[in-house]
Amino acid sequence: MAEWTERAELLFTKEGLDNLQNANVLVVGLGGVGSFAAEFLARAGVGNMTIVDGDVVDITNINRQLPALHSTVGEPKIKIVSDRLMDINPKLKLTRVQEFLSPERAFEIVSPEFDYVLDCIDSVTPKLNLIFAAKRKKVKIISSMGAGGKMLASKVKVGDISKTCYCPFAKTIRRRLKAEKIYKLKVVFSPEIPDKKSLRMTDGKNFKKSFYGTNSYIPALFGLHAAETVIRHLLKKE
């Protein structure tokens, strides 16, 4: 029986596949962006991965998140995603961290042993904690900006956070990074103007004070671009 990595090796070469198998990647956040990013990395052949998420599947996740099904509502996202990853590659060395990142834990978890960090967190404070930890420990990181309210797949791109526009989330992150004298950050973003009619305001008591509507493919596409960036770096094509 052919090895499951046969097609990848044809494209990546044996040396490239070895690079991926020896790589160590951290994925934080397993929602619409991170769940797809983690799967793309596993299917590419990344051999060592740590995944972090403290959330459970909510019925509103079903339209855009890989672990979200009617049958999985209420289950930990990290369990569903980790089971999938191990079924893709039973030899994957996978570390599961089932928690939301506090500032202290962000600095504990991020370490120079990681080749890359994928920040797929969708709330400001923990996202900043992860970015600060990666920057101060000089670990490569790519961060996902706001995917809500967007519809045009062709607009999604990777660039420095200074190039972002029409993204309220990126604007907030950029301002906070500047206050910490951090001026460079590789991000996935879309310059598409978000659909303001899809914005839902809340009473401020919820985890998110407001949120945009989302579709099935834009968050996954953000995850794809993040995974591509990491894979190309590991293959030394970037």
C-alpha atoms as a PDB file:
ATOM      1  CA  MET A   1       0.000   0.000   0.000  1.00  0.00           C
ATOM      2  CA  ALA A   2       1.317   3.450  -0.927  1.00  0.00           C
ATOM      3  CA  GLU A   3       2.367   5.777   1.889  1.00  0.00           C
ATOM      4  CA  TRP A   4      -0.219   8.455   2.654  1.00  0.00           C
ATOM      5  CA  THR A   5       2.497  11.077   2.072  1.00  0.00           C
ATOM      6  CA  GLU A   6       3.281   9.864  -1.472  1.00  0.00           C
ATOM      7  CA  ARG A   7       1.661  12.797  -3.298  1.00  0.00           C
ATOM      8  CA  ALA A   8       3.109  15.334  -0.866  1.00  0.00           C
ATOM      9  CA  GLU A   9       6.612  13.952  -1.344  1.00  0.00           C
ATOM     10  CA  LEU A  10       6.310  14.293  -5.128  1.00  0.00           C
ATOM     11  CA  LEU A  11       5.677  18.017  -4.681  1.00  0.00           C
ATOM     12  CA  PHE A  12       7.744  18.779  -1.591  1.00  0.00           C
ATOM     13  CA  THR A  13      10.668  16.357  -2.340  1.00  0.00           C
ATOM     14  CA  LYS A  14      12.037  13.912   0.226  1.00  0.00           C
ATOM     15  CA  GLU A  15      14.118  16.652   1.867  1.00  0.00           C
ATOM     16  CA  GLY A  16      11.133  18.964   2.118  1.00  0.00           C
ATOM     17  CA  LEU A  17       8.946  16.260   3.600  1.00  0.00           C
ATOM     18  CA  ASP A  18      11.681  15.500   6.148  1.00  0.00           C
ATOM     19  CA  ASN A  19      11.716  19.195   7.080  1.00  0.00           C
ATOM     20  CA  LEU A  20       7.965  19.066   7.693  1.00  0.00           C
ATOM     21  CA  GLN A  21       8.138  15.832   9.676  1.00  0.00           C
ATOM     22  CA  ASN A  22      10.833  17.309  11.923  1.00  0.00           C
ATOM     23  CA  ALA A  23       9.039  20.647  12.379  1.00  0.00           C
ATOM     24  CA  ASN A  24       7.297  21.719  15.568  1.00  0.00           C
ATOM     25  CA  VAL A  25       4.313  24.059  15.267  1.00  0.00           C
ATOM     26  CA  LEU A  26       1.984  25.687  17.807  1.00  0.00           C
ATOM     27  CA  VAL A  27      -1.653  26.397  16.858  1.00  0.00           C
ATOM     28  CA  VAL A  28      -3.674  28.477  19.316  1.00  0.00           C
ATOM     29  CA  GLY A  29      -7.422  28.667  18.764  1.00  0.00           C
ATOM     30  CA  LEU A  30      -9.373  25.891  17.029  1.00  0.00           C
ATOM     31  CA  GLY A  31     -12.324  27.829  15.655  1.00  0.00           C
ATOM     32  CA  GLY A  32     -13.085  28.628  12.035  1.00  0.00           C
ATOM     33  CA  VAL A  33      -9.484  29.625  11.279  1.00  0.00           C
ATOM     34  CA  GLY A  34      -7.386  27.417  13.547  1.00  0.00           C
ATOM     35  CA  SER A  35      -9.208  24.125  13.038  1.00  0.00           C
ATOM     36  CA  PHE A  36      -8.625  24.271   9.290  1.00  0.00           C
ATOM     37  CA  ALA A  37      -5.053  25.523   9.691  1.00  0.00           C
ATOM     38  CA  ALA A  38      -4.203  22.611  12.000  1.00  0.00           C
ATOM     39  CA  GLU A  39      -5.694  20.101   9.574  1.00  0.00           C
ATOM     40  CA  PHE A  40      -3.823  21.559   6.595  1.00  0.00           C
ATOM     41  CA  LEU A  41      -0.564  21.322   8.558  1.00  0.00           C
ATOM     42  CA  ALA A  42      -1.225  17.721   9.571  1.00  0.00           C
ATOM     43  CA  ARG A  43      -2.131  16.668   6.028  1.00  0.00           C
ATOM     44  CA  ALA A  44       1.035  18.361   4.747  1.00  0.00           C
ATOM     45  CA  GLY A  45       3.096  16.139   7.029  1.00  0.00           C
ATOM     46  CA  VAL A  46       4.066  18.380   9.949  1.00  0.00           C
ATOM     47  CA  GLY A  47       5.320  15.888  12.519  1.00  0.00           C
ATOM     48  CA  ASN A  48       5.073  17.764  15.835  1.00  0.00           C
ATOM     49  CA  MET A  49       2.184  19.988  16.835  1.00  0.00           C
ATOM     50  CA  THR A  50       0.785  21.589  19.962  1.00  0.00           C
ATOM     51  CA  ILE A  51      -2.839  22.708  19.836  1.00  0.00           C
ATOM     52  CA  VAL A  52      -4.441  25.024  22.408  1.00  0.00           C
ATOM     53  CA  ASP A  53      -8.140  25.718  22.940  1.00  0.00           C
ATOM     54  CA  GLY A  54     -10.414  25.839  25.969  1.00  0.00           C
ATOM     55  CA  ASP A  55     -13.754  26.163  24.202  1.00  0.00           C
ATOM     56  CA  VAL A  56     -16.583  23.754  23.443  1.00  0.00           C
ATOM     57  CA  VAL A  57     -18.619  23.520  20.253  1.00  0.00           C
ATOM     58  CA  ASP A  58     -21.599  25.865  20.118  1.00  0.00           C
ATOM     59  CA  ILE A  59     -24.437  25.387  17.651  1.00  0.00           C
ATOM     60  CA  THR A  60     -23.595  28.781  16.088  1.00  0.00           C
ATOM     61  CA  ASN A  61     -20.165  27.377  15.108  1.00  0.00           C
ATOM     62  CA  ILE A  62     -21.633  24.881  12.635  1.00  0.00           C
ATOM     63  CA  ASN A  63     -21.630  27.225   9.632  1.00  0.00           C
ATOM     64  CA  ARG A  64     -17.834  27.683   9.624  1.00  0.00           C
ATOM     65  CA  GLN A  65     -15.833  25.508  12.056  1.00  0.00           C
ATOM     66  CA  LEU A  66     -14.347  22.115  11.210  1.00  0.00           C
ATOM     67  CA  PRO A  67     -15.150  20.397  14.543  1.00  0.00           C
ATOM     68  CA  ALA A  68     -18.702  21.766  14.687  1.00  0.00           C
ATOM     69  CA  LEU A  69     -21.541  19.352  13.897  1.00  0.00           C
ATOM     70  CA  HIS A  70     -24.962  18.900  15.443  1.00  0.00           C
ATOM     71  CA  SER A  71     -23.581  15.715  16.982  1.00  0.00           C
ATOM     72  CA  THR A  72     -20.614  17.525  18.601  1.00  0.00           C
ATOM     73  CA  VAL A  73     -22.390  20.497  20.211  1.00  0.00           C
ATOM     74  CA  GLY A  74     -21.114  20.843  23.781  1.00  0.00           C
ATOM     75  CA  GLU A  75     -17.975  18.780  23.215  1.00  0.00           C
ATOM     76  CA  PRO A  76     -14.457  20.255  23.618  1.00  0.00           C
ATOM     77  CA  LYS A  77     -13.107  21.471  20.294  1.00  0.00           C
ATOM     78  CA  ILE A  78      -9.640  20.254  21.210  1.00  0.00           C
ATOM     79  CA  LYS A  79     -10.834  16.647  21.570  1.00  0.00           C
ATOM     80  CA  ILE A  80     -12.595  16.623  18.195  1.00  0.00           C
ATOM     81  CA  VAL A  81      -9.709  18.289  16.374  1.00  0.00           C
ATOM     82  CA  SER A  82      -7.048  16.142  18.041  1.00  0.00           C
ATOM     83  CA  ASP A  83      -8.927  12.946  17.136  1.00  0.00           C
ATOM     84  CA  ARG A  84      -9.052  14.094  13.490  1.00  0.00           C
ATOM     85  CA  LEU A  85      -5.357  14.989  13.430  1.00  0.00           C
ATOM     86  CA  MET A  86      -4.320  11.627  14.863  1.00  0.00           C
ATOM     87  CA  ASP A  87      -6.550   9.837  12.357  1.00  0.00           C
ATOM     88  CA  ILE A  88      -4.819  11.764   9.558  1.00  0.00           C
ATOM     89  CA  ASN A  89      -1.337  10.948  10.865  1.00  0.00           C
ATOM     90  CA  PRO A  90      -1.158   8.316  13.625  1.00  0.00           C
ATOM     91  CA  LYS A  91       2.551   9.100  14.030  1.00  0.00           C
ATOM     92  CA  LEU A  92       1.923  12.784  14.753  1.00  0.00           C
ATOM     93  CA  LYS A  93       3.468  13.882  18.036  1.00  0.00           C
ATOM     94  CA  LEU A  94       0.553  15.927  19.303  1.00  0.00           C
ATOM     95  CA  THR A  95       0.339  17.913  22.534  1.00  0.00           C
ATOM     96  CA  ARG A  96      -3.132  19.031  23.607  1.00  0.00           C
ATOM     97  CA  VAL A  97      -3.626  22.024  25.902  1.00  0.00           C
ATOM     98  CA  GLN A  98      -7.296  22.399  26.849  1.00  0.00           C
ATOM     99  CA  GLU A  99      -7.449  25.913  28.262  1.00  0.00           C
ATOM    100  CA  PHE A 100      -7.853  29.578  27.422  1.00  0.00           C
ATOM    101  CA  LEU A 101      -4.501  31.349  27.486  1.00  0.00           C
ATOM    102  CA  SER A 102      -3.775  33.654  30.378  1.00  0.00           C
ATOM    103  CA  PRO A 103      -0.803  36.050  30.028  1.00  0.00           C
ATOM    104  CA  GLU A 104       1.316  33.783  32.225  1.00  0.00           C
ATOM    105  CA  ARG A 105       0.446  30.621  30.295  1.00  0.00           C
ATOM    106  CA  ALA A 106       1.135  32.300  26.960  1.00  0.00           C
ATOM    107  CA  PHE A 107       4.690  32.978  28.098  1.00  0.00           C
ATOM    108  CA  GLU A 108       5.022  29.437  29.458  1.00  0.00           C
ATOM    109  CA  ILE A 109       3.727  27.686  26.345  1.00  0.00           C
ATOM    110  CA  VAL A 110       5.558  29.719  23.684  1.00  0.00           C
ATOM    111  CA  SER A 111       9.180  28.623  23.525  1.00  0.00           C
ATOM    112  CA  PRO A 112      12.059  28.589  21.026  1.00  0.00           C
ATOM    113  CA  GLU A 113      11.402  24.885  20.388  1.00  0.00           C
ATOM    114  CA  PHE A 114       8.576  25.943  18.061  1.00  0.00           C
ATOM    115  CA  ASP A 115       9.410  26.693  14.441  1.00  0.00           C
ATOM    116  CA  TYR A 116       6.224  28.720  14.047  1.00  0.00           C
ATOM    117  CA  VAL A 117       3.213  29.918  16.040  1.00  0.00           C
ATOM    118  CA  LEU A 118      -0.208  30.267  14.412  1.00  0.00           C
ATOM    119  CA  ASP A 119      -2.345  32.785  16.277  1.00  0.00           C
ATOM    120  CA  CYS A 120      -5.947  31.915  15.454  1.00  0.00           C
ATOM    121  CA  ILE A 121      -7.499  33.573  18.509  1.00  0.00           C
ATOM    122  CA  ASP A 122     -10.574  35.739  17.928  1.00  0.00           C
ATOM    123  CA  SER A 123     -10.464  37.955  21.036  1.00  0.00           C
ATOM    124  CA  VAL A 124      -8.128  40.849  21.685  1.00  0.00           C
ATOM    125  CA  THR A 125      -6.461  40.257  25.069  1.00  0.00           C
ATOM    126  CA  PRO A 126      -5.380  36.609  24.669  1.00  0.00           C
ATOM    127  CA  LYS A 127      -4.299  37.345  21.103  1.00  0.00           C
ATOM    128  CA  LEU A 128      -2.044  40.136  22.331  1.00  0.00           C
ATOM    129  CA  ASN A 129      -0.646  37.905  25.087  1.00  0.00           C
ATOM    130  CA  LEU A 130       0.337  35.297  22.503  1.00  0.00           C
ATOM    131  CA  ILE A 131       1.875  37.861  20.152  1.00  0.00           C
ATOM    132  CA  PHE A 132       3.859  39.472  22.978  1.00  0.00           C
ATOM    133  CA  ALA A 133       5.181  36.076  24.065  1.00  0.00           C
ATOM    134  CA  ALA A 134       6.245  35.111  20.546  1.00  0.00           C
ATOM    135  CA  LYS A 135       7.868  38.459  19.831  1.00  0.00           C
ATOM    136  CA  ARG A 136       9.775  38.592  23.104  1.00  0.00           C
ATOM    137  CA  LYS A 137      10.987  35.020  22.681  1.00  0.00           C
ATOM    138  CA  LYS A 138      11.834  35.622  19.004  1.00  0.00           C
ATOM    139  CA  VAL A 139       9.591  32.830  17.722  1.00  0.00           C
ATOM    140  CA  LYS A 140       8.037  33.263  14.267  1.00  0.00           C
ATOM    141  CA  ILE A 141       4.318  33.978  14.368  1.00  0.00           C
ATOM    142  CA  ILE A 142       1.488  34.590  11.922  1.00  0.00           C
ATOM    143  CA  SER A 143      -1.689  36.139  13.283  1.00  0.00           C
ATOM    144  CA  SER A 144      -5.229  35.989  11.916  1.00  0.00           C
ATOM    145  CA  MET A 145      -7.146  39.252  11.757  1.00  0.00           C
ATOM    146  CA  GLY A 146     -10.913  39.708  11.392  1.00  0.00           C
ATOM    147  CA  ALA A 147     -12.760  37.395   8.996  1.00  0.00           C
ATOM    148  CA  GLY A 148     -16.260  38.523   9.954  1.00  0.00           C
ATOM    149  CA  GLY A 149     -18.408  40.529   7.580  1.00  0.00           C
ATOM    150  CA  LYS A 150     -16.277  39.502   4.584  1.00  0.00           C
ATOM    151  CA  MET A 151     -17.422  37.692   1.441  1.00  0.00           C
ATOM    152  CA  LEU A 152     -14.702  37.975  -1.234  1.00  0.00           C
ATOM    153  CA  ALA A 153     -12.265  35.054  -1.178  1.00  0.00           C
ATOM    154  CA  SER A 154      -9.995  36.775  -3.704  1.00  0.00           C
ATOM    155  CA  LYS A 155      -9.258  39.602  -1.244  1.00  0.00           C
ATOM    156  CA  VAL A 156      -7.668  37.451   1.492  1.00  0.00           C
ATOM    157  CA  LYS A 157      -3.906  37.889   1.700  1.00  0.00           C
ATOM    158  CA  VAL A 158      -0.836  37.733   3.915  1.00  0.00           C
ATOM    159  CA  GLY A 159       1.138  40.857   4.762  1.00  0.00           C
ATOM    160  CA  ASP A 160       2.433  43.040   7.565  1.00  0.00           C
ATOM    161  CA  ILE A 161      -0.146  44.422   9.982  1.00  0.00           C
ATOM    162  CA  SER A 162       0.836  47.931   8.879  1.00  0.00           C
ATOM    163  CA  LYS A 163      -0.808  47.129   5.496  1.00  0.00           C
ATOM    164  CA  THR A 164      -4.198  46.208   6.962  1.00  0.00           C
ATOM    165  CA  CYS A 165      -7.251  48.369   6.314  1.00  0.00           C
ATOM    166  CA  TYR A 166     -11.025  48.158   6.800  1.00  0.00           C
ATOM    167  CA  CYS A 167     -10.521  45.744   9.681  1.00  0.00           C
ATOM    168  CA  PRO A 168     -11.587  47.070  13.103  1.00  0.00           C
ATOM    169  CA  PHE A 169      -9.969  44.076  14.796  1.00  0.00           C
ATOM    170  CA  ALA A 170      -6.602  44.720  13.111  1.00  0.00           C
ATOM    171  CA  LYS A 171      -6.834  48.414  13.970  1.00  0.00           C
ATOM    172  CA  THR A 172      -7.191  47.577  17.668  1.00  0.00           C
ATOM    173  CA  ILE A 173      -4.335  45.056  17.594  1.00  0.00           C
ATOM    174  CA  ARG A 174      -2.093  47.458  15.657  1.00  0.00           C
ATOM    175  CA  ARG A 175      -2.662  50.248  18.176  1.00  0.00           C
ATOM    176  CA  ARG A 176      -1.906  48.000  21.141  1.00  0.00           C
ATOM    177  CA  LEU A 177       1.235  46.611  19.499  1.00  0.00           C
ATOM    178  CA  LYS A 178       2.485  50.115  18.781  1.00  0.00           C
ATOM    179  CA  ALA A 179       2.089  50.966  22.463  1.00  0.00           C
ATOM    180  CA  GLU A 180       4.436  48.045  23.196  1.00  0.00           C
ATOM    181  CA  LYS A 181       6.851  49.222  20.465  1.00  0.00           C
ATOM    182  CA  ILE A 182       6.060  46.235  18.236  1.00  0.00           C
ATOM    183  CA  TYR A 183       5.810  47.459  14.670  1.00  0.00           C
ATOM    184  CA  LYS A 184       6.095  44.278  12.592  1.00  0.00           C
ATOM    185  CA  LEU A 185       3.677  41.354  12.576  1.00  0.00           C
ATOM    186  CA  LYS A 186       2.838  38.958   9.752  1.00  0.00           C
ATOM    187  CA  VAL A 187      -0.937  38.636   9.480  1.00  0.00           C
ATOM    188  CA  VAL A 188      -3.700  37.118   7.387  1.00  0.00           C
ATOM    189  CA  PHE A 189      -6.253  39.772   6.536  1.00  0.00           C
ATOM    190  CA  SER A 190      -8.738  41.024   3.988  1.00  0.00           C
ATOM    191  CA  PRO A 191      -8.960  44.673   2.860  1.00  0.00           C
ATOM    192  CA  GLU A 192     -12.607  44.116   1.934  1.00  0.00           C
ATOM    193  CA  ILE A 193     -14.944  46.551   3.689  1.00  0.00           C
ATOM    194  CA  PRO A 194     -16.996  44.482   6.165  1.00  0.00           C
ATOM    195  CA  ASP A 195     -20.739  44.370   5.661  1.00  0.00           C
ATOM    196  CA  LYS A 196     -22.016  46.711   8.367  1.00  0.00           C
ATOM    197  CA  LYS A 197     -25.541  45.311   8.032  1.00  0.00           C
ATOM    198  CA  SER A 198     -24.227  42.010   9.393  1.00  0.00           C
ATOM    199  CA  LEU A 199     -22.922  43.552  12.631  1.00  0.00           C
ATOM    200  CA  ARG A 200     -24.666  42.293  15.764  1.00  0.00           C
ATOM    201  CA  MET A 201     -24.364  44.481  18.852  1.00  0.00           C
ATOM    202  CA  THR A 202     -24.779  42.924  22.287  1.00  0.00           C
ATOM    203  CA  ASP A 203     -25.380  44.282  25.770  1.00  0.00           C
ATOM    204  CA  GLY A 204     -21.665  43.984  26.585  1.00  0.00           C
ATOM    205  CA  LYS A 205     -22.165  41.147  29.053  1.00  0.00           C
ATOM    206  CA  ASN A 206     -21.173  38.464  26.575  1.00  0.00           C
ATOM    207  CA  PHE A 207     -17.639  37.274  25.822  1.00  0.00           C
ATOM    208  CA  LYS A 208     -17.755  39.405  22.675  1.00  0.00           C
ATOM    209  CA  LYS A 209     -19.315  42.847  22.810  1.00  0.00           C
ATOM    210  CA  SER A 210     -20.186  42.753  19.114  1.00  0.00           C
ATOM    211  CA  PHE A 211     -19.599  40.500  16.151  1.00  0.00           C
ATOM    212  CA  TYR A 212     -20.065  40.353  12.395  1.00  0.00           C
ATOM    213  CA  GLY A 213     -21.848  37.667  10.470  1.00  0.00           C
ATOM    214  CA  THR A 214     -19.600  35.008   8.964  1.00  0.00           C
ATOM    215  CA  ASN A 215     -19.820  32.539   6.108  1.00  0.00           C
ATOM    216  CA  SER A 216     -18.558  29.005   5.604  1.00  0.00           C
ATOM    217  CA  TYR A 217     -15.411  29.719   3.593  1.00  0.00           C
ATOM    218  CA  ILE A 218     -13.668  32.948   4.625  1.00  0.00           C
ATOM    219  CA  PRO A 219     -12.456  31.709   8.053  1.00  0.00           C
ATOM    220  CA  ALA A 220     -11.225  28.479   6.428  1.00  0.00           C
ATOM    221  CA  LEU A 221      -9.430  30.561   3.806  1.00  0.00           C
ATOM    222  CA  PHE A 222      -7.708  32.559   6.548  1.00  0.00           C
ATOM    223  CA  GLY A 223      -6.569  29.231   8.001  1.00  0.00           C
ATOM    224  CA  LEU A 224      -5.367  28.087   4.595  1.00  0.00           C
ATOM    225  CA  HIS A 225      -3.230  31.211   4.116  1.00  0.00           C
ATOM    226  CA  ALA A 226      -1.754  30.847   7.601  1.00  0.00           C
ATOM    227  CA  ALA A 227      -0.924  27.182   6.986  1.00  0.00           C
ATOM    228  CA  GLU A 228       0.532  27.926   3.549  1.00  0.00           C
ATOM    229  CA  THR A 229       2.827  30.572   5.047  1.00  0.00           C
ATOM    230  CA  VAL A 230       4.125  28.134   7.647  1.00  0.00           C
ATOM    231  CA  ILE A 231       4.515  25.227   5.215  1.00  0.00           C
ATOM    232  CA  ARG A 232       6.408  27.327   2.680  1.00  0.00           C
ATOM    233  CA  HIS A 233       8.708  28.564   5.440  1.00  0.00           C
ATOM    234  CA  LEU A 234       9.402  25.000   6.581  1.00  0.00           C
ATOM    235  CA  LEU A 235      10.069  23.965   2.974  1.00  0.00           C
ATOM    236  CA  LYS A 236      12.426  26.935   2.681  1.00  0.00           C
ATOM    237  CA  LYS A 237      10.414  28.364  -0.182  1.00  0.00           C
ATOM    238  CA  GLU A 238       9.695  31.676   1.544  1.00  0.00           C
END
